[in-house]
Amino acid sequence: MRNCCCHCCQLKEHNNHINALKSNLRNNRRVMNTFMKDIREEIEMFHYKYSKDLEALMQENEELLLSLLSEVELV
């Protein structure tokens, strides 16, 4: 903007600056929402994998326990 000292030009410049800040804030919020969505998905995948691993481990332990019990019964 040219060097003008009238109040009207100062207000326009101020409003342009405020609008640019608002636009940046909206863009930042979009980026943060995208990051939060990605983080949530990663956490869900981790929990899913952990629960599946835990399920498999419990199944394996149950099978080992049953195997041991059957061996003890044979003795």
Foldseek 3Di string as FASTA:
>chain_A
DDDDDDPVVVVVVVVVVVVVVVVVVVVVVVVVVVVVVVVVVVVVVVVVVVVVVVVVVVVVVVVVVVVVVVVVVVD
